[in-house]
C-alpha atoms as a PDB file:
ATOM      1  CA  ASN A   1     105.143  89.313 123.786  1.00  0.00           C
ATOM      2  CA  TYR A   2     105.167  87.921 119.965  1.00  0.00           C
ATOM      3  CA  GLN A   3     107.975  89.797 118.126  1.00  0.00           C
ATOM      4  CA  TYR A   4     108.459  90.166 114.375  1.00  0.00           C
ATOM      5  CA  TYR A   5     110.539  87.197 112.812  1.00  0.00           C
ATOM      6  CA  CYS A   6     110.186  87.525 109.170  1.00  0.00           C
ATOM      7  CA  ARG A   7     108.250  88.268 106.314  1.00  0.00           C
ATOM      8  CA  THR A   8     107.164  85.838 103.314  1.00  0.00           C
ATOM      9  CA  THR A   9     105.400  85.918 100.180  1.00  0.00           C
ATOM     10  CA  SER A  10     104.131  82.513 100.328  1.00  0.00           C
ATOM     11  CA  THR A  11     101.149  80.914 102.258  1.00  0.00           C
ATOM     12  CA  SER A  12     103.445  78.639 104.190  1.00  0.00           C
ATOM     13  CA  TYR A  13     106.846  79.147 106.195  1.00  0.00           C
ATOM     14  CA  THR A  14     109.345  76.581 107.430  1.00  0.00           C
ATOM     15  CA  ASP A  15     111.305  77.837 110.837  1.00  0.00           C
ATOM     16  CA  LYS A  16     114.543  76.098 110.856  1.00  0.00           C
ATOM     17  CA  LYS A  17     116.113  77.926 113.810  1.00  0.00           C
ATOM     18  CA  VAL A  18     114.190  75.423 116.179  1.00  0.00           C
ATOM     19  CA  TYR A  19     115.765  73.739 119.021  1.00  0.00           C
ATOM     20  CA  ASN A  20     114.363  70.279 120.496  1.00  0.00           C
ATOM     21  CA  GLY A  21     112.285  70.400 123.542  1.00  0.00           C
ATOM     22  CA  LEU A  22     111.096  74.099 123.226  1.00  0.00           C
ATOM     23  CA  THR A  23     107.740  75.430 122.647  1.00  0.00           C
ATOM     24  CA  TYR A  24     107.167  77.554 119.777  1.00  0.00           C
ATOM     25  CA  SER A  25     104.152  80.052 119.276  1.00  0.00           C
ATOM     26  CA  TYR A  26     103.323  81.766 116.085  1.00  0.00           C
ATOM     27  CA  ARG A  27     100.765  84.455 114.787  1.00  0.00           C
ATOM     28  CA  ILE A  28     100.134  85.531 111.539  1.00  0.00           C
ATOM     29  CA  LYS A  29      99.285  89.073 109.962  1.00  0.00           C
ATOM     30  CA  ALA A  30      98.455  89.713 106.138  1.00  0.00           C
ATOM     31  CA  CYS A  31     100.208  92.934 104.447  1.00  0.00           C
ATOM     32  CA  ARG A  32      99.950  94.887 101.709  1.00  0.00           C
ATOM     33  CA  ASN A  33     102.255  98.150 101.009  1.00  0.00           C
ATOM     34  CA  LYS A  34     101.378  99.867 104.691  1.00  0.00           C
ATOM     35  CA  THR A  35      98.204  98.083 105.436  1.00  0.00           C
ATOM     36  CA  VAL A  36      98.593  95.166 107.784  1.00  0.00           C
ATOM     37  CA  SER A  37      95.890  92.945 109.055  1.00  0.00           C
ATOM     38  CA  GLY A  38      95.151  91.710 112.575  1.00  0.00           C
ATOM     39  CA  PHE A  39      96.636  88.727 113.841  1.00  0.00           C
ATOM     40  CA  TYR A  40      95.572  85.208 113.309  1.00  0.00           C
ATOM     41  CA  PHE A  41      93.228  84.323 116.070  1.00  0.00           C
ATOM     42  CA  ASP A  42      95.458  83.546 119.197  1.00  0.00           C
ATOM     43  CA  GLY A  43      98.446  82.114 117.156  1.00  0.00           C
ATOM     44  CA  VAL A  44      99.517  78.355 116.900  1.00  0.00           C
ATOM     45  CA  THR A  45     101.474  76.590 119.535  1.00  0.00           C
ATOM     46  CA  ILE A  46     103.672  73.357 118.965  1.00  0.00           C
ATOM     47  CA  LYS A  47     106.414  71.802 120.575  1.00  0.00           C
ATOM     48  CA  ARG A  48     109.759  70.720 118.495  1.00  0.00           C
ATOM     49  CA  LEU A  49     110.449  67.065 119.002  1.00  0.00           C
ATOM     50  CA  ASN A  50     113.401  65.928 116.786  1.00  0.00           C
ATOM     51  CA  ALA A  51     113.241  62.660 114.849  1.00  0.00           C
ATOM     52  CA  PRO A  52     114.354  59.725 117.468  1.00  0.00           C
ATOM     53  CA  THR A  53     117.728  58.501 116.080  1.00  0.00           C
ATOM     54  CA  LEU A  54     117.658  54.830 115.477  1.00  0.00           C
ATOM     55  CA  LYS A  55     120.652  52.798 116.341  1.00  0.00           C
ATOM     56  CA  THR A  56     121.552  49.169 114.699  1.00  0.00           C
ATOM     57  CA  PRO A  57     118.603  46.677 115.595  1.00  0.00           C
ATOM     58  CA  LEU A  58     119.439  43.351 117.630  1.00  0.00           C
ATOM     59  CA  ASN A  59     118.254  39.647 116.885  1.00  0.00           C
ATOM     60  CA  THR A  60     116.743  38.347 120.265  1.00  0.00           C
ATOM     61  CA  ASP A  61     115.409  35.191 121.473  1.00  0.00           C
ATOM     62  CA  SER A  62     112.039  36.727 121.371  1.00  0.00           C
ATOM     63  CA  GLY A  63     111.933  39.170 118.201  1.00  0.00           C
ATOM     64  CA  ILE A  64     113.938  42.226 116.381  1.00  0.00           C
ATOM     65  CA  LYS A  65     114.435  44.595 119.041  1.00  0.00           C
ATOM     66  CA  ILE A  66     114.850  48.297 117.912  1.00  0.00           C
ATOM     67  CA  GLN A  67     116.735  51.139 119.813  1.00  0.00           C
ATOM     68  CA  TRP A  68     117.085  55.046 119.941  1.00  0.00           C
ATOM     69  CA  ASN A  69     118.562  57.672 121.713  1.00  0.00           C
ATOM     70  CA  LYS A  70     116.145  59.591 124.571  1.00  0.00           C
ATOM     71  CA  LEU A  71     115.098  62.920 123.482  1.00  0.00           C
ATOM     72  CA  ASN A  72     114.453  65.802 125.649  1.00  0.00           C
ATOM     73  CA  GLY A  73     110.927  66.700 125.847  1.00  0.00           C
ATOM     74  CA  ALA A  74     109.706  63.033 124.773  1.00  0.00           C
ATOM     75  CA  GLN A  75     107.282  61.655 126.934  1.00  0.00           C
ATOM     76  CA  GLY A  76     107.494  58.590 124.691  1.00  0.00           C
ATOM     77  CA  TYR A  77     107.552  56.921 121.710  1.00  0.00           C
ATOM     78  CA  PHE A  78     105.310  55.427 118.660  1.00  0.00           C
ATOM     79  CA  ILE A  79     107.241  52.345 116.880  1.00  0.00           C
ATOM     80  CA  TYR A  80     106.074  51.478 113.280  1.00  0.00           C
ATOM     81  CA  ARG A  81     106.952  48.766 110.973  1.00  0.00           C
ATOM     82  CA  LYS A  82     106.856  49.463 107.148  1.00  0.00           C
ATOM     83  CA  GLU A  83     104.578  47.147 105.221  1.00  0.00           C
ATOM     84  CA  GLY A  84     104.289  47.296 101.950  1.00  0.00           C
ATOM     85  CA  LYS A  85     103.919  51.365 101.049  1.00  0.00           C
ATOM     86  CA  TYR A  86     102.593  52.490 104.390  1.00  0.00           C
ATOM     87  CA  TRP A  87     103.786  52.366 108.052  1.00  0.00           C
ATOM     88  CA  LYS A  88     102.122  49.961 110.540  1.00  0.00           C
ATOM     89  CA  TYR A  89     101.598  51.182 113.863  1.00  0.00           C
ATOM     90  CA  LEU A  90     103.050  48.530 116.154  1.00  0.00           C
ATOM     91  CA  GLY A  91     102.655  50.291 119.552  1.00  0.00           C
ATOM     92  CA  LYS A  92     104.174  52.746 122.128  1.00  0.00           C
ATOM     93  CA  THR A  93     106.415  52.982 125.103  1.00  0.00           C
ATOM     94  CA  THR A  94     108.193  55.189 127.403  1.00  0.00           C
ATOM     95  CA  ALA A  95     111.523  53.226 127.080  1.00  0.00           C
ATOM     96  CA  THR A  96     114.047  53.917 124.404  1.00  0.00           C
ATOM     97  CA  THR A  97     113.617  50.158 122.910  1.00  0.00           C
ATOM     98  CA  PHE A  98     111.145  47.871 121.730  1.00  0.00           C
ATOM     99  CA  THR A  99     111.017  44.431 120.633  1.00  0.00           C
ATOM    100  CA  ASP A 100     108.857  43.482 117.838  1.00  0.00           C
ATOM    101  CA  THR A 101     107.984  39.716 118.778  1.00  0.00           C
ATOM    102  CA  ASN A 102     105.869  39.309 115.623  1.00  0.00           C
ATOM    103  CA  ALA A 103     108.874  39.435 113.560  1.00  0.00           C
ATOM    104  CA  SER A 104     109.030  36.427 111.506  1.00  0.00           C
ATOM    105  CA  ALA A 105     112.536  34.563 111.014  1.00  0.00           C
ATOM    106  CA  GLY A 106     114.196  34.990 107.630  1.00  0.00           C
ATOM    107  CA  LYS A 107     112.133  38.147 106.788  1.00  0.00           C
ATOM    108  CA  THR A 108     113.421  41.376 106.473  1.00  0.00           C
ATOM    109  CA  TYR A 109     111.709  44.547 108.152  1.00  0.00           C
ATOM    110  CA  ILE A 110     111.607  48.555 108.025  1.00  0.00           C
ATOM    111  CA  TYR A 111     111.099  50.140 111.214  1.00  0.00           C
ATOM    112  CA  THR A 112     110.880  53.893 112.554  1.00  0.00           C
ATOM    113  CA  VAL A 113     110.060  55.755 115.663  1.00  0.00           C
ATOM    114  CA  LYS A 114     108.209  58.942 116.486  1.00  0.00           C
ATOM    115  CA  ALA A 115     108.480  60.498 119.597  1.00  0.00           C
ATOM    116  CA  TYR A 116     105.484  62.320 121.580  1.00  0.00           C
ATOM    117  CA  SER A 117     105.158  64.778 124.294  1.00  0.00           C
ATOM    118  CA  SER A 118     103.066  65.163 127.747  1.00  0.00           C
ATOM    119  CA  GLU A 119     101.392  68.007 125.787  1.00  0.00           C
ATOM    120  CA  GLY A 120     100.195  65.722 122.593  1.00  0.00           C
ATOM    121  CA  TYR A 121     102.873  67.072 120.223  1.00  0.00           C
ATOM    122  CA  HIS A 122     104.838  64.234 118.058  1.00  0.00           C
ATOM    123  CA  SER A 123     107.829  64.758 116.339  1.00  0.00           C
ATOM    124  CA  ALA A 124     109.076  63.904 112.798  1.00  0.00           C
ATOM    125  CA  TYR A 125     109.969  60.277 112.075  1.00  0.00           C
ATOM    126  CA  ASN A 126     113.120  59.014 109.680  1.00  0.00           C
ATOM    127  CA  THR A 127     110.975  58.360 106.361  1.00  0.00           C
ATOM    128  CA  SER A 128     113.429  55.785 105.355  1.00  0.00           C
ATOM    129  CA  GLY A 129     113.416  53.807 108.519  1.00  0.00           C
ATOM    130  CA  ILE A 130     115.923  51.264 109.238  1.00  0.00           C
ATOM    131  CA  LYS A 131     115.930  47.823 107.639  1.00  0.00           C
ATOM    132  CA  TYR A 132     116.939  44.747 109.575  1.00  0.00           C
ATOM    133  CA  LYS A 133     116.576  40.988 108.908  1.00  0.00           C
ATOM    134  CA  ARG A 134     115.126  38.496 111.586  1.00  0.00           C
ATOM    135  CA  LEU A 135     117.414  35.858 111.593  1.00  0.00           C
ATOM    136  CA  LYS A 136     116.360  31.969 111.871  1.00  0.00           C
ATOM    137  CA  THR A 137     117.508  30.270 115.176  1.00  0.00           C
ATOM    138  CA  PRO A 138     120.067  27.454 114.047  1.00  0.00           C
ATOM    139  CA  SER A 139     119.086  23.957 114.308  1.00  0.00           C
ATOM    140  CA  VAL A 140     121.541  21.342 115.591  1.00  0.00           C
ATOM    141  CA  TYR A 141     121.260  18.146 113.522  1.00  0.00           C
ATOM    142  CA  ASP A 142     124.404  16.237 115.043  1.00  0.00           C
ATOM    143  CA  PHE A 143     126.830  16.124 117.706  1.00  0.00           C
ATOM    144  CA  ASP A 144     129.450  13.979 118.705  1.00  0.00           C
ATOM    145  CA  ALA A 145     131.988  13.425 121.474  1.00  0.00           C
ATOM    146  CA  SER A 146     135.399  11.745 120.607  1.00  0.00           C
ATOM    147  CA  LYS A 147     138.952  11.909 121.613  1.00  0.00           C
ATOM    148  CA  ASN A 148     139.858  14.890 119.788  1.00  0.00           C
ATOM    149  CA  GLY A 149     136.745  16.884 121.612  1.00  0.00           C
ATOM    150  CA  ILE A 150     132.962  17.906 121.088  1.00  0.00           C
ATOM    151  CA  LYS A 151     131.792  18.406 117.679  1.00  0.00           C
ATOM    152  CA  ILE A 152     128.414  20.111 117.083  1.00  0.00           C
ATOM    153  CA  LYS A 153     126.958  20.392 113.554  1.00  0.00           C
ATOM    154  CA  TRP A 154     124.135  22.767 112.476  1.00  0.00           C
ATOM    155  CA  TYR A 155     122.066  23.942 109.611  1.00  0.00           C
ATOM    156  CA  ALA A 156     123.496  26.957 107.810  1.00  0.00           C
ATOM    157  CA  VAL A 157     121.195  30.311 108.460  1.00  0.00           C
ATOM    158  CA  HIS A 158     120.248  32.110 105.292  1.00  0.00           C
ATOM    159  CA  GLY A 159     121.799  35.387 105.597  1.00  0.00           C
ATOM    160  CA  ALA A 160     123.871  34.690 108.387  1.00  0.00           C
ATOM    161  CA  GLU A 161     127.510  36.068 108.504  1.00  0.00           C
ATOM    162  CA  GLY A 162     128.770  33.691 111.290  1.00  0.00           C
ATOM    163  CA  TYR A 163     127.733  31.934 114.301  1.00  0.00           C
ATOM    164  CA  TYR A 164     128.295  32.526 118.105  1.00  0.00           C
ATOM    165  CA  VAL A 165     128.919  29.315 119.966  1.00  0.00           C
ATOM    166  CA  TYR A 166     128.156  29.357 123.809  1.00  0.00           C
ATOM    167  CA  ARG A 167     129.028  26.673 126.457  1.00  0.00           C
ATOM    168  CA  LYS A 168     128.608  25.986 130.031  1.00  0.00           C
ATOM    169  CA  THR A 169     129.587  23.072 132.234  1.00  0.00           C
ATOM    170  CA  GLY A 170     127.760  21.041 134.366  1.00  0.00           C
ATOM    171  CA  ASN A 171     128.992  23.188 137.640  1.00  0.00           C
ATOM    172  CA  GLY A 172     129.549  26.409 135.642  1.00  0.00           C
ATOM    173  CA  LYS A 173     133.274  26.744 136.436  1.00  0.00           C
ATOM    174  CA  ARG A 174     134.971  25.976 133.325  1.00  0.00           C
END
C-alpha cells in the first residue's frame, strides 16, 4: 500500500507534512533515467511525536517543578537538565509535571522534556530548554507585636522580585 511520495537527489529527506501521534512508514528506491532499483528491504516505520511545550516552571518547597502540555500518542516523558554543554537524564514520568528535588537554592537550571510512545519512538525536544532559578527560602530574623500590629522581618533573597506573605489565625477563621 505504499504510494509514490516525492523524488530527491539527496541521500536524505525530511518529511515536513507529518502530524503528531500518527505512524509513518517509508521505503526507498534508487533511480537513474528509467532504471529503478528494488525497495530498501521492508521500509522503516516511525511514529511522529511533537516536542513537548514547556510551561513556566515553579519554585516549590521540594524543588523546581517543570510542566508541559500532554501530547497525543505519548505514553510518557523523559526529563533532562542541562549541565555544562550536555543534557543529563533526570528521570521519566507519565504525568505532565516533574519536580527536580535536587535543585539547589540560588542556582539557575535549564530543563527540557522528550516524549516517548508505547512503541518505543521518541519525540524531538526543545534544544534551548527553559531556564529557571531556584529561589532560596526567606529566613525570618525578627518579629515583634506592638500597638501598631505585628511586624515580621526577613533577609532578602537574591533574584527575588517580591515576597508572598501568608498568615493563619489560631482557629483558622480570620
